[in-house]
Amino acid sequence: MEDLPAEDERAAGCHFTDRGFADYGAWRSLSTREGAPPARVLVPAGRAVHPDGSFRLLIHLHGAEPVRKQLAAEGFDLVIAALDAGIGSHAYERAFTPGPATFDRLVEAIEREVAAVNGLPAARAEPIILSSWSAGYGAIGPILTRPEPRLAAIVLLDSLYAGYLAGKRTVEHGQVPLFLEAARKALRGGAAFYLTHTAIGTPGYASTGEVASYLLAELGVKATPVDAEPGEAHALARIFEEGRLVIRGYAGADRDAHCAQLHLLPSILRETVLPGLGR
């Protein structure tokens, strides 16, 4: 199967207004001495971390600076970690090989940094939100190979591709069953699963729209078409929402449509994900 997909934020030409770091101050590099992937973390000054050391953690995969530009000024009570592993989904998959243990080391490195910044003996990330854009989904598959009780939400922003079966335009399973099971659990009220897709075609492998349709079919449900307003760019074209599962398809089959999906992250957090997390 090909390395999917092969663009990054800069190559895609995305633009995000830089509103600074606000009270996050600056990126903090995490120690990788224990095998954790080379992520960076934003820890807000004097908030978001409770006296007992607990905090809500967002880990974003692919597009650290766009996420910082969008979220830092929003005032969300979140510690924000981000990882840019390289080009293509396999770079992200490799970063989290052999799987959950690598993710554990990453979370532990974040917890140590949060504890140090706040002068605490220890800190604990709970709950945890995973988000990805484009190729970043490649890291989430390995993470999902083992249950993570602290995982409260998965947000995939035009960010779930798959290969085709040889000689066919049929989705090859690959990591898809892991995401399908996560979607099924969300449908039943488990950790939230929020997937967006565009109408961008991907010659040689299954697009995010095709994979979304595959998930819907496997779950035995259907999305509802949405009538767009005249002239609306990247309009919502279909939606499915039940339990804690949300799948939204958007019009647009160009670079700007792909970039627009990453712009959705603040509103998804504000309107859907964070209200369901409690304190």
Protein backbone atom coordinates (compact mmCIF):
# COMPACT_ATOMS: atom_id res chain seq x y z
CA MET A 1 0.00 0.00 0.00
CA GLU A 2 1.23 3.52 -0.72
CA ASP A 3 2.39 5.99 1.91
CA LEU A 4 -0.85 7.92 2.49
CA PRO A 5 -1.21 10.85 1.99
CA ALA A 6 1.97 12.65 0.90
CA GLU A 7 1.43 16.33 1.72
CA ASP A 8 2.06 18.43 4.78
CA GLU A 9 0.66 21.78 5.89
CA ARG A 10 3.34 23.84 4.14
CA ALA A 11 3.24 21.88 0.90
CA ALA A 12 -0.54 22.05 0.90
CA GLY A 13 -0.32 25.84 1.06
CA CYS A 14 -2.60 26.21 4.07
CA HIS A 15 -2.81 29.57 5.82
CA PHE A 16 -3.62 30.10 9.49
CA THR A 17 -3.69 33.50 11.16
CA ASP A 18 -1.07 33.63 13.90
CA ARG A 19 -2.68 34.88 17.12
CA GLY A 20 0.36 34.18 19.24
CA PHE A 21 0.91 31.86 22.18
CA ALA A 22 -1.28 33.73 24.71
CA ASP A 23 -0.66 32.36 28.21
CA TYR A 24 0.95 29.21 26.83
CA GLY A 25 4.15 31.22 26.38
CA ALA A 26 6.10 28.90 24.11
CA TRP A 27 6.46 25.35 22.89
CA ARG A 28 8.27 23.06 25.32
CA SER A 29 10.28 20.21 23.82
CA LEU A 30 9.85 16.86 25.49
CA SER A 31 12.70 14.55 26.40
CA THR A 32 12.91 11.56 24.08
CA ARG A 33 15.46 9.68 26.17
CA GLU A 34 12.95 6.97 27.02
CA GLY A 35 11.73 6.37 23.49
CA ALA A 36 8.83 8.82 23.37
CA PRO A 37 8.20 10.39 19.94
CA PRO A 38 9.66 13.90 19.53
CA ALA A 39 6.57 15.93 20.41
CA ARG A 40 6.20 19.47 21.74
CA VAL A 41 3.81 20.65 24.42
CA LEU A 42 2.02 23.88 25.37
CA VAL A 43 1.31 24.30 29.10
CA PRO A 44 -0.80 27.34 30.07
CA ALA A 45 0.42 29.51 32.92
CA GLY A 46 -1.58 29.18 36.14
CA ARG A 47 -4.60 27.33 34.78
CA ALA A 48 -5.87 24.08 33.26
CA VAL A 49 -3.95 21.96 35.80
CA HIS A 50 -5.87 21.09 38.96
CA PRO A 51 -4.29 21.04 42.44
CA ASP A 52 -4.21 17.24 42.35
CA GLY A 53 -2.15 17.40 39.14
CA SER A 54 -4.90 16.23 36.78
CA PHE A 55 -5.36 17.99 33.45
CA ARG A 56 -7.18 17.60 30.15
CA LEU A 57 -4.78 16.76 27.33
CA LEU A 58 -5.11 17.24 23.58
CA ILE A 59 -2.55 15.40 21.46
CA HIS A 60 -2.61 16.54 17.83
CA LEU A 61 -0.89 14.66 15.03
CA HIS A 62 0.26 16.53 11.89
CA GLY A 63 0.12 20.31 11.93
CA ALA A 64 1.56 21.53 15.24
CA GLU A 65 1.85 25.19 14.25
CA PRO A 66 -1.62 25.47 12.67
CA VAL A 67 -3.08 24.00 15.86
CA ARG A 68 -1.09 26.39 18.04
CA LYS A 69 -2.13 29.36 15.91
CA GLN A 70 -5.79 28.41 16.24
CA LEU A 71 -6.06 27.13 19.81
CA ALA A 72 -3.60 29.04 21.99
CA ALA A 73 -5.71 32.21 22.05
CA GLU A 74 -9.00 30.35 22.62
CA GLY A 75 -8.50 29.91 26.36
CA PHE A 76 -9.47 26.24 26.37
CA ASP A 77 -8.53 24.51 29.61
CA LEU A 78 -6.21 22.16 27.80
CA VAL A 79 -2.60 21.14 27.78
CA ILE A 80 -1.81 20.83 24.07
CA ALA A 81 0.81 18.46 22.68
CA ALA A 82 1.59 18.09 19.00
CA LEU A 83 3.73 15.89 16.82
CA ASP A 84 4.93 16.36 13.24
CA ALA A 85 6.53 13.05 12.29
CA GLY A 86 7.15 13.74 8.60
CA ILE A 87 5.49 13.17 5.25
CA GLY A 88 2.91 10.43 4.74
CA SER A 89 0.93 8.25 7.09
CA HIS A 90 3.66 5.63 7.44
CA ALA A 91 5.91 8.21 9.12
CA TYR A 92 3.29 8.55 11.84
CA GLU A 93 2.72 4.83 12.06
CA ARG A 94 6.46 4.26 12.50
CA ALA A 95 6.65 6.95 15.19
CA PHE A 96 4.27 4.92 17.34
CA THR A 97 5.67 1.48 16.66
CA PRO A 98 5.49 -0.90 18.50
CA GLY A 99 2.24 0.74 19.58
CA PRO A 100 0.60 1.54 22.90
CA ALA A 101 3.85 1.42 24.90
CA THR A 102 5.19 4.27 22.76
CA PHE A 103 2.02 6.23 23.40
CA ASP A 104 2.38 5.57 27.13
CA ARG A 105 5.91 6.98 27.06
CA LEU A 106 4.69 10.09 25.25
CA VAL A 107 1.92 10.70 27.80
CA GLU A 108 4.35 10.12 30.67
CA ALA A 109 6.80 12.64 29.18
CA ILE A 110 3.99 15.20 28.93
CA GLU A 111 2.94 14.50 32.51
CA ARG A 112 6.50 15.04 33.77
CA GLU A 113 6.73 18.36 31.94
CA VAL A 114 3.36 19.54 33.29
CA ALA A 115 4.36 18.57 36.83
CA ALA A 116 7.69 20.40 36.52
CA VAL A 117 6.11 23.58 35.14
CA ASN A 118 3.56 23.65 37.95
CA GLY A 119 5.90 22.62 40.78
CA LEU A 120 3.94 19.45 41.46
CA PRO A 121 5.31 16.05 42.51
CA ALA A 122 3.29 14.40 39.75
CA ALA A 123 0.64 15.14 37.14
CA ARG A 124 -1.87 12.97 35.32
CA ALA A 125 -3.45 13.45 31.91
CA GLU A 126 -7.13 12.58 32.14
CA PRO A 127 -9.08 12.72 29.92
CA ILE A 128 -7.08 12.52 26.67
CA ILE A 129 -8.25 13.77 23.26
CA LEU A 130 -6.52 12.61 20.07
CA SER A 131 -6.84 14.70 16.92
CA SER A 132 -5.22 14.36 13.52
CA TRP A 133 -5.23 16.03 10.15
CA SER A 134 -4.32 14.44 6.84
CA ALA A 135 -1.54 11.85 7.33
CA GLY A 136 -1.60 12.08 11.12
CA TYR A 137 -4.15 9.28 11.43
CA GLY A 138 -1.27 6.86 10.84
CA ALA A 139 -0.27 7.24 14.50
CA ILE A 140 -3.74 6.62 15.86
CA GLY A 141 -4.04 3.07 14.55
CA PRO A 142 -1.14 1.76 16.68
CA ILE A 143 -2.52 3.62 19.71
CA LEU A 144 -5.89 1.91 19.28
CA THR A 145 -4.40 -1.59 19.37
CA ARG A 146 -4.81 -1.53 23.13
CA PRO A 147 -7.71 -0.03 25.13
CA GLU A 148 -6.84 3.32 26.73
CA PRO A 149 -9.39 4.08 29.46
CA ARG A 150 -8.41 7.76 29.55
CA LEU A 151 -9.15 8.29 25.85
CA ALA A 152 -12.28 10.44 25.66
CA ALA A 153 -12.37 11.51 22.02
CA ILE A 154 -10.84 10.95 18.60
CA VAL A 155 -11.09 13.76 16.02
CA LEU A 156 -10.07 12.92 12.45
CA LEU A 157 -9.95 15.96 10.15
CA ASP A 158 -9.95 14.73 6.55
CA SER A 159 -7.68 12.13 8.04
CA LEU A 160 -8.60 8.50 7.42
CA TYR A 161 -7.38 6.86 4.23
CA ALA A 162 -6.93 3.24 3.19
CA GLY A 163 -5.53 1.15 0.36
CA TYR A 164 -7.57 -0.71 -2.24
CA LEU A 165 -7.74 -4.45 -2.63
CA ALA A 166 -5.56 -5.49 -5.56
CA GLY A 167 -7.26 -4.66 -8.84
CA LYS A 168 -10.40 -3.32 -7.17
CA ARG A 169 -11.83 -0.06 -5.85
CA THR A 170 -12.72 -1.79 -2.58
CA VAL A 171 -11.34 -0.60 0.74
CA GLU A 172 -8.50 -2.77 1.99
CA HIS A 173 -8.85 -3.31 5.71
CA GLY A 174 -5.36 -2.42 6.97
CA GLN A 175 -5.88 -0.37 10.13
CA VAL A 176 -9.52 0.39 9.27
CA PRO A 177 -11.00 -2.25 11.65
CA LEU A 178 -9.42 -0.41 14.60
CA PHE A 179 -11.18 2.80 13.58
CA LEU A 180 -14.39 0.93 12.81
CA GLU A 181 -14.42 -0.52 16.31
CA ALA A 182 -13.78 2.94 17.79
CA ALA A 183 -16.69 4.31 15.73
CA ARG A 184 -18.91 1.43 16.87
CA LYS A 185 -18.07 2.15 20.52
CA ALA A 186 -18.87 5.84 20.00
CA LEU A 187 -22.21 4.89 18.49
CA ARG A 188 -22.95 3.02 21.73
CA GLY A 189 -21.91 5.95 23.94
CA GLY A 190 -18.18 5.26 24.34
CA ALA A 191 -15.33 7.65 23.57
CA ALA A 192 -16.40 10.29 21.04
CA PHE A 193 -15.44 9.67 17.42
CA TYR A 194 -15.60 12.68 15.08
CA LEU A 195 -14.65 12.22 11.43
CA THR A 196 -14.73 14.82 8.66
CA HIS A 197 -14.00 14.30 4.99
CA THR A 198 -13.87 16.25 1.74
CA ALA A 199 -14.70 15.25 -1.83
CA ILE A 200 -11.03 15.07 -2.79
CA GLY A 201 -10.25 12.08 -4.98
CA THR A 202 -7.11 10.07 -4.26
CA PRO A 203 -6.04 7.99 -7.30
CA GLY A 204 -4.59 4.66 -6.25
CA TYR A 205 -6.02 4.51 -2.74
CA ALA A 206 -9.27 5.11 -0.90
CA SER A 207 -10.08 8.72 -0.04
CA THR A 208 -11.41 9.96 3.27
CA GLY A 209 -14.87 10.14 1.71
CA GLU A 210 -14.68 6.53 0.55
CA VAL A 211 -13.47 5.34 3.94
CA ALA A 212 -16.25 7.31 5.66
CA SER A 213 -18.81 5.62 3.40
CA TYR A 214 -17.24 2.25 4.21
CA LEU A 215 -17.56 2.91 7.95
CA LEU A 216 -21.18 3.96 7.59
CA ALA A 217 -22.00 0.84 5.58
CA GLU A 218 -20.25 -1.45 8.06
CA LEU A 219 -22.15 0.17 10.92
CA GLY A 220 -25.44 -0.26 9.05
CA VAL A 221 -26.32 3.44 9.14
CA LYS A 222 -26.75 6.23 6.60
CA ALA A 223 -25.70 9.86 6.51
CA THR A 224 -28.27 12.55 5.78
CA PRO A 225 -27.63 14.81 2.75
CA VAL A 226 -27.43 18.53 3.50
CA ASP A 227 -28.51 21.27 1.07
CA ALA A 228 -25.82 23.92 0.83
CA GLU A 229 -26.48 27.62 0.65
CA PRO A 230 -25.79 29.05 -2.84
CA GLY A 231 -22.16 30.05 -3.22
CA GLU A 232 -21.06 28.50 0.06
CA ALA A 233 -17.49 27.24 -0.22
CA HIS A 234 -16.62 23.88 1.31
CA ALA A 235 -20.22 23.46 2.40
CA LEU A 236 -21.43 20.64 4.61
CA ALA A 237 -22.76 17.97 2.24
CA ARG A 238 -23.82 15.12 4.55
CA ILE A 239 -23.97 14.32 8.24
CA PHE A 240 -24.46 11.37 10.53
CA GLU A 241 -24.72 11.87 14.28
CA GLU A 242 -25.84 9.32 16.85
CA GLY A 243 -24.56 8.51 20.32
CA ARG A 244 -21.08 10.03 20.37
CA LEU A 245 -20.35 9.32 16.71
CA VAL A 246 -20.25 12.22 14.25
CA ILE A 247 -19.36 11.88 10.56
CA ARG A 248 -19.49 15.01 8.42
CA GLY A 249 -18.77 15.24 4.73
CA TYR A 250 -17.91 18.53 3.06
CA ALA A 251 -17.92 19.72 -0.53
CA GLY A 252 -14.70 20.74 -2.18
CA ALA A 253 -12.04 18.74 -3.95
CA ASP A 254 -9.01 21.03 -3.85
CA ARG A 255 -6.20 22.10 -1.55
CA ASP A 256 -8.33 24.75 0.15
CA ALA A 257 -11.00 22.18 0.99
CA HIS A 258 -8.37 19.97 2.64
CA CYS A 259 -6.98 22.91 4.62
CA ALA A 260 -10.48 23.96 5.66
CA GLN A 261 -10.87 20.74 7.61
CA LEU A 262 -8.07 21.69 9.99
CA HIS A 263 -9.78 25.03 10.52
CA LEU A 264 -12.74 23.13 12.01
CA LEU A 265 -10.82 21.96 15.09
CA PRO A 266 -11.64 24.90 17.43
CA SER A 267 -15.38 24.68 16.82
CA ILE A 268 -15.39 20.88 17.13
CA LEU A 269 -13.67 21.14 20.49
CA ARG A 270 -15.86 24.00 21.70
CA GLU A 271 -19.23 22.69 20.55
CA THR A 272 -18.92 18.91 20.66
CA VAL A 273 -15.89 17.45 22.44
CA LEU A 274 -15.16 19.63 25.47
CA PRO A 275 -18.77 19.92 26.74
CA GLY A 276 -18.79 16.15 27.19
CA LEU A 277 -15.64 16.01 29.30
CA GLY A 278 -16.85 17.44 32.59
CA ARG A 279 -14.57 19.76 34.52
